[in-house]
Amino acid sequence: ALSFGPAFIINGEPVDVTGSGGGLNPRTVIGQREDGAVLLLVIDGRQPHSLGANFQDCIKVMQDYGAINAANLDGGSSTQMMYQGETINVCASLYGPRYLPTVWIVQ
């Protein structure tokens, strides 16, 4: 089971998401294209190199990549992407990456 929200795109239509979800923050988003491909978006935030994104920014990026369905996942210090055992984004936490209870594993 997985908890997420809000939905950003449903059946090809962007959702009118009220508010900004706390403004500019690190974000993790999952989406799906019409051909079934799964899209994973990780945006750093609270850093000099990246302030983060709001909900509308995330919707735009997912649309740009052809998502017909997309939803917000947990962000903030939970925004982390790893590849071959290495963290490839910059964690927003002052204490570095933390253990996360939910992951998406792609092989």
N, C-alpha and C. Protein backbone atom coordinates (compact mmCIF):
# COMPACT_ATOMS: atom_id res chain seq x y z
N ALA A 1 0.85 -1.17 0.00
CA ALA A 1 0.00 0.00 0.00
C ALA A 1 0.89 1.23 0.00
N LEU A 2 0.39 2.26 -0.59
CA LEU A 2 1.15 3.50 -0.69
C LEU A 2 0.19 4.68 -0.54
N SER A 3 0.63 5.65 0.21
CA SER A 3 -0.16 6.87 0.39
C SER A 3 0.46 7.96 -0.47
N PHE A 4 -0.39 8.72 -1.15
CA PHE A 4 0.13 9.81 -1.98
C PHE A 4 -0.94 10.87 -2.12
N GLY A 5 -0.54 12.01 -2.66
CA GLY A 5 -1.50 13.06 -2.95
C GLY A 5 -0.85 14.42 -2.84
N PRO A 6 -1.43 15.34 -3.49
CA PRO A 6 -2.62 15.20 -4.32
C PRO A 6 -2.28 14.63 -5.69
N ALA A 7 -3.33 14.19 -6.39
CA ALA A 7 -3.18 13.80 -7.79
C ALA A 7 -2.89 15.07 -8.59
N PHE A 8 -2.00 14.96 -9.58
CA PHE A 8 -1.65 16.10 -10.42
C PHE A 8 -2.29 16.02 -11.80
N ILE A 9 -2.33 14.82 -12.38
CA ILE A 9 -2.89 14.61 -13.71
C ILE A 9 -3.72 13.33 -13.66
N ILE A 10 -4.95 13.39 -14.15
CA ILE A 10 -5.81 12.20 -14.19
C ILE A 10 -6.36 12.07 -15.60
N ASN A 11 -6.12 10.92 -16.21
CA ASN A 11 -6.59 10.64 -17.57
C ASN A 11 -6.25 11.76 -18.55
N GLY A 12 -5.02 12.26 -18.44
CA GLY A 12 -4.53 13.28 -19.37
C GLY A 12 -4.89 14.71 -19.03
N GLU A 13 -5.71 14.91 -18.02
CA GLU A 13 -6.15 16.26 -17.64
C GLU A 13 -5.47 16.72 -16.35
N PRO A 14 -4.81 17.87 -16.38
CA PRO A 14 -4.22 18.37 -15.14
C PRO A 14 -5.31 18.69 -14.12
N VAL A 15 -5.03 18.37 -12.89
CA VAL A 15 -5.97 18.62 -11.80
C VAL A 15 -5.77 20.05 -11.30
N ASP A 16 -6.85 20.72 -11.00
CA ASP A 16 -6.78 22.07 -10.44
C ASP A 16 -6.45 21.93 -8.95
N VAL A 17 -5.15 21.92 -8.66
CA VAL A 17 -4.68 21.74 -7.30
C VAL A 17 -4.69 23.10 -6.61
N THR A 18 -5.42 23.21 -5.52
CA THR A 18 -5.45 24.47 -4.80
C THR A 18 -4.25 24.56 -3.87
N GLY A 19 -3.72 25.73 -3.75
CA GLY A 19 -2.56 25.94 -2.90
C GLY A 19 -1.30 25.52 -3.61
N SER A 20 -0.19 25.73 -2.94
CA SER A 20 1.11 25.41 -3.54
C SER A 20 1.76 24.22 -2.87
N GLY A 21 1.11 23.65 -1.85
CA GLY A 21 1.71 22.54 -1.14
C GLY A 21 2.92 22.98 -0.33
N GLY A 22 2.83 24.16 0.22
CA GLY A 22 3.94 24.65 1.02
C GLY A 22 4.97 25.42 0.22
N GLY A 23 4.63 25.79 -1.00
CA GLY A 23 5.55 26.59 -1.81
C GLY A 23 6.64 25.76 -2.45
N LEU A 24 7.81 26.35 -2.55
CA LEU A 24 8.94 25.68 -3.18
C LEU A 24 9.58 24.71 -2.20
N ASN A 25 9.60 23.43 -2.58
CA ASN A 25 10.15 22.40 -1.71
C ASN A 25 10.73 21.27 -2.55
N PRO A 26 11.55 20.41 -1.94
CA PRO A 26 11.95 19.19 -2.63
C PRO A 26 10.69 18.39 -2.95
N ARG A 27 10.67 17.74 -4.10
CA ARG A 27 9.47 17.01 -4.52
C ARG A 27 9.83 15.64 -5.08
N THR A 28 8.92 14.71 -4.90
CA THR A 28 8.99 13.39 -5.52
C THR A 28 7.64 13.14 -6.16
N VAL A 29 7.64 12.82 -7.45
CA VAL A 29 6.40 12.66 -8.22
C VAL A 29 6.49 11.37 -9.02
N ILE A 30 5.38 10.66 -9.13
CA ILE A 30 5.31 9.48 -9.98
C ILE A 30 4.24 9.72 -11.04
N GLY A 31 4.51 9.25 -12.24
CA GLY A 31 3.56 9.42 -13.33
C GLY A 31 3.60 8.23 -14.27
N GLN A 32 2.67 8.24 -15.21
CA GLN A 32 2.62 7.19 -16.21
C GLN A 32 2.24 7.79 -17.55
N ARG A 33 2.97 7.38 -18.60
CA ARG A 33 2.64 7.80 -19.96
C ARG A 33 1.61 6.84 -20.55
N GLU A 34 1.05 7.23 -21.67
CA GLU A 34 0.04 6.42 -22.34
C GLU A 34 0.58 5.05 -22.75
N ASP A 35 1.87 4.97 -23.07
CA ASP A 35 2.46 3.69 -23.47
C ASP A 35 2.77 2.79 -22.27
N GLY A 36 2.43 3.25 -21.06
CA GLY A 36 2.63 2.45 -19.85
C GLY A 36 3.93 2.74 -19.12
N ALA A 37 4.83 3.50 -19.73
CA ALA A 37 6.10 3.82 -19.08
C ALA A 37 5.84 4.60 -17.79
N VAL A 38 6.59 4.25 -16.76
CA VAL A 38 6.47 4.93 -15.47
C VAL A 38 7.53 6.03 -15.41
N LEU A 39 7.12 7.21 -14.97
CA LEU A 39 8.00 8.36 -14.82
C LEU A 39 8.22 8.64 -13.34
N LEU A 40 9.45 8.83 -12.96
CA LEU A 40 9.79 9.21 -11.59
C LEU A 40 10.52 10.54 -11.64
N LEU A 41 10.05 11.50 -10.89
CA LEU A 41 10.62 12.84 -10.87
C LEU A 41 11.09 13.16 -9.46
N VAL A 42 12.34 13.54 -9.33
CA VAL A 42 12.89 13.97 -8.04
C VAL A 42 13.48 15.36 -8.25
N ILE A 43 13.03 16.31 -7.44
CA ILE A 43 13.50 17.69 -7.54
C ILE A 43 14.12 18.08 -6.20
N ASP A 44 15.40 18.48 -6.24
CA ASP A 44 16.05 18.98 -5.03
C ASP A 44 15.39 20.28 -4.60
N GLY A 45 15.59 20.66 -3.37
CA GLY A 45 15.05 21.93 -2.87
C GLY A 45 15.73 22.33 -1.58
N ARG A 46 15.43 23.57 -1.15
CA ARG A 46 16.02 24.15 0.06
C ARG A 46 17.55 24.18 -0.02
N GLN A 47 18.06 24.43 -1.24
CA GLN A 47 19.50 24.42 -1.48
C GLN A 47 19.86 25.61 -2.36
N PRO A 48 21.08 26.06 -2.31
CA PRO A 48 21.49 27.16 -3.20
C PRO A 48 21.34 26.81 -4.69
N HIS A 49 21.55 25.54 -5.05
CA HIS A 49 21.46 25.15 -6.46
C HIS A 49 20.04 24.85 -6.90
N SER A 50 19.10 24.69 -5.97
CA SER A 50 17.71 24.40 -6.32
C SER A 50 16.81 24.79 -5.16
N LEU A 51 15.92 25.74 -5.42
CA LEU A 51 14.98 26.17 -4.39
C LEU A 51 13.86 25.15 -4.20
N GLY A 52 13.65 24.31 -5.22
CA GLY A 52 12.57 23.34 -5.17
C GLY A 52 11.51 23.67 -6.19
N ALA A 53 10.34 23.09 -6.01
CA ALA A 53 9.24 23.28 -6.96
C ALA A 53 7.92 23.34 -6.20
N ASN A 54 6.94 24.02 -6.81
CA ASN A 54 5.60 23.97 -6.26
C ASN A 54 4.79 22.95 -7.06
N PHE A 55 3.53 22.76 -6.71
CA PHE A 55 2.71 21.76 -7.38
C PHE A 55 2.57 22.04 -8.88
N GLN A 56 2.40 23.30 -9.25
CA GLN A 56 2.22 23.63 -10.67
C GLN A 56 3.49 23.32 -11.47
N ASP A 57 4.65 23.54 -10.86
CA ASP A 57 5.91 23.19 -11.52
C ASP A 57 5.95 21.69 -11.83
N CYS A 58 5.55 20.89 -10.87
CA CYS A 58 5.57 19.43 -11.02
C CYS A 58 4.61 18.98 -12.12
N ILE A 59 3.43 19.57 -12.15
CA ILE A 59 2.46 19.23 -13.19
C ILE A 59 3.03 19.55 -14.56
N LYS A 60 3.65 20.70 -14.70
CA LYS A 60 4.24 21.11 -15.99
C LYS A 60 5.31 20.13 -16.45
N VAL A 61 6.21 19.74 -15.56
CA VAL A 61 7.27 18.81 -15.93
C VAL A 61 6.67 17.47 -16.36
N MET A 62 5.69 16.97 -15.60
CA MET A 62 5.09 15.69 -15.96
C MET A 62 4.36 15.77 -17.31
N GLN A 63 3.70 16.88 -17.57
CA GLN A 63 3.07 17.06 -18.88
C GLN A 63 4.12 17.10 -19.99
N ASP A 64 5.23 17.80 -19.74
CA ASP A 64 6.30 17.89 -20.73
C ASP A 64 6.84 16.51 -21.11
N TYR A 65 6.78 15.57 -20.17
CA TYR A 65 7.27 14.21 -20.43
C TYR A 65 6.15 13.25 -20.80
N GLY A 66 4.96 13.78 -21.06
CA GLY A 66 3.88 12.96 -21.60
C GLY A 66 3.06 12.18 -20.59
N ALA A 67 3.09 12.57 -19.33
CA ALA A 67 2.30 11.84 -18.32
C ALA A 67 0.81 12.02 -18.57
N ILE A 68 0.07 10.92 -18.50
CA ILE A 68 -1.39 11.00 -18.56
C ILE A 68 -1.98 10.83 -17.16
N ASN A 69 -1.17 10.30 -16.24
CA ASN A 69 -1.54 10.22 -14.83
C ASN A 69 -0.29 10.57 -14.02
N ALA A 70 -0.46 11.34 -12.97
CA ALA A 70 0.67 11.71 -12.12
C ALA A 70 0.16 12.10 -10.74
N ALA A 71 1.00 11.86 -9.75
CA ALA A 71 0.63 12.20 -8.38
C ALA A 71 1.87 12.59 -7.57
N ASN A 72 1.66 13.42 -6.59
CA ASN A 72 2.69 13.84 -5.66
C ASN A 72 2.93 12.73 -4.65
N LEU A 73 4.21 12.44 -4.39
CA LEU A 73 4.58 11.53 -3.31
C LEU A 73 5.16 12.37 -2.19
N ASP A 74 5.63 11.73 -1.15
CA ASP A 74 6.24 12.46 -0.04
C ASP A 74 7.45 13.21 -0.55
N GLY A 75 7.65 14.42 -0.11
CA GLY A 75 8.78 15.23 -0.54
C GLY A 75 9.64 15.61 0.63
N GLY A 76 10.12 16.82 0.63
CA GLY A 76 10.97 17.29 1.72
C GLY A 76 12.22 16.44 1.87
N SER A 77 12.55 16.10 3.11
CA SER A 77 13.74 15.28 3.37
C SER A 77 13.56 13.84 2.89
N SER A 78 12.34 13.47 2.49
CA SER A 78 12.09 12.13 1.95
C SER A 78 12.38 12.06 0.46
N THR A 79 12.71 13.18 -0.16
CA THR A 79 13.03 13.18 -1.58
C THR A 79 14.45 12.69 -1.76
N GLN A 80 14.57 11.47 -2.26
CA GLN A 80 15.88 10.88 -2.45
C GLN A 80 15.84 9.94 -3.64
N MET A 81 16.85 10.05 -4.52
CA MET A 81 16.96 9.13 -5.64
C MET A 81 18.34 8.48 -5.60
N MET A 82 18.33 7.15 -5.71
CA MET A 82 19.58 6.40 -5.70
C MET A 82 19.73 5.64 -7.01
N TYR A 83 20.99 5.47 -7.41
CA TYR A 83 21.29 4.68 -8.60
C TYR A 83 22.55 3.87 -8.30
N GLN A 84 22.44 2.57 -8.44
CA GLN A 84 23.54 1.65 -8.16
C GLN A 84 24.16 1.90 -6.78
N GLY A 85 23.30 2.08 -5.78
CA GLY A 85 23.74 2.24 -4.41
C GLY A 85 24.22 3.62 -4.01
N GLU A 86 24.20 4.56 -4.94
CA GLU A 86 24.66 5.92 -4.65
C GLU A 86 23.49 6.90 -4.73
N THR A 87 23.41 7.80 -3.76
CA THR A 87 22.41 8.87 -3.81
C THR A 87 22.83 9.86 -4.89
N ILE A 88 21.92 10.14 -5.83
CA ILE A 88 22.28 11.02 -6.95
C ILE A 88 21.65 12.40 -6.87
N ASN A 89 20.83 12.64 -5.87
CA ASN A 89 20.35 14.00 -5.67
C ASN A 89 20.93 14.52 -4.36
N VAL A 90 20.65 15.75 -4.03
CA VAL A 90 21.17 16.35 -2.80
C VAL A 90 20.03 16.42 -1.79
N CYS A 91 20.20 15.70 -0.70
CA CYS A 91 19.17 15.64 0.34
C CYS A 91 18.98 17.01 0.99
N ALA A 92 17.73 17.35 1.28
CA ALA A 92 17.42 18.64 1.88
C ALA A 92 17.71 18.68 3.38
N SER A 93 17.92 17.53 3.99
CA SER A 93 18.15 17.48 5.43
C SER A 93 19.57 17.95 5.78
N LEU A 94 19.68 18.70 6.83
CA LEU A 94 21.00 19.12 7.32
C LEU A 94 21.82 17.94 7.80
N TYR A 95 21.14 16.83 8.11
CA TYR A 95 21.79 15.64 8.67
C TYR A 95 22.09 14.59 7.61
N GLY A 96 21.82 14.90 6.35
CA GLY A 96 22.08 13.96 5.26
C GLY A 96 20.92 13.02 5.02
N PRO A 97 21.10 12.08 4.09
CA PRO A 97 20.03 11.14 3.76
C PRO A 97 19.59 10.36 4.99
N ARG A 98 18.33 10.00 5.02
CA ARG A 98 17.80 9.25 6.16
C ARG A 98 17.17 7.96 5.66
N TYR A 99 16.92 7.05 6.57
CA TYR A 99 16.25 5.81 6.20
C TYR A 99 14.80 6.13 5.86
N LEU A 100 14.32 5.58 4.75
CA LEU A 100 12.96 5.85 4.29
C LEU A 100 12.16 4.56 4.30
N PRO A 101 10.91 4.61 4.77
CA PRO A 101 10.11 3.39 4.87
C PRO A 101 9.48 2.95 3.55
N THR A 102 9.44 3.80 2.54
CA THR A 102 8.80 3.47 1.28
C THR A 102 9.78 3.73 0.15
N VAL A 103 9.90 2.77 -0.78
CA VAL A 103 10.79 2.95 -1.92
C VAL A 103 10.12 2.40 -3.18
N TRP A 104 10.57 2.90 -4.31
CA TRP A 104 10.24 2.34 -5.62
C TRP A 104 11.54 1.77 -6.14
N ILE A 105 11.54 0.49 -6.44
CA ILE A 105 12.75 -0.16 -6.95
C ILE A 105 12.51 -0.49 -8.41
N VAL A 106 13.44 -0.02 -9.27
CA VAL A 106 13.35 -0.29 -10.70
C VAL A 106 14.55 -1.13 -11.09
N GLN A 107 14.29 -2.27 -11.71
CA GLN A 107 15.39 -3.14 -12.15
C GLN A 107 15.28 -3.37 -13.63
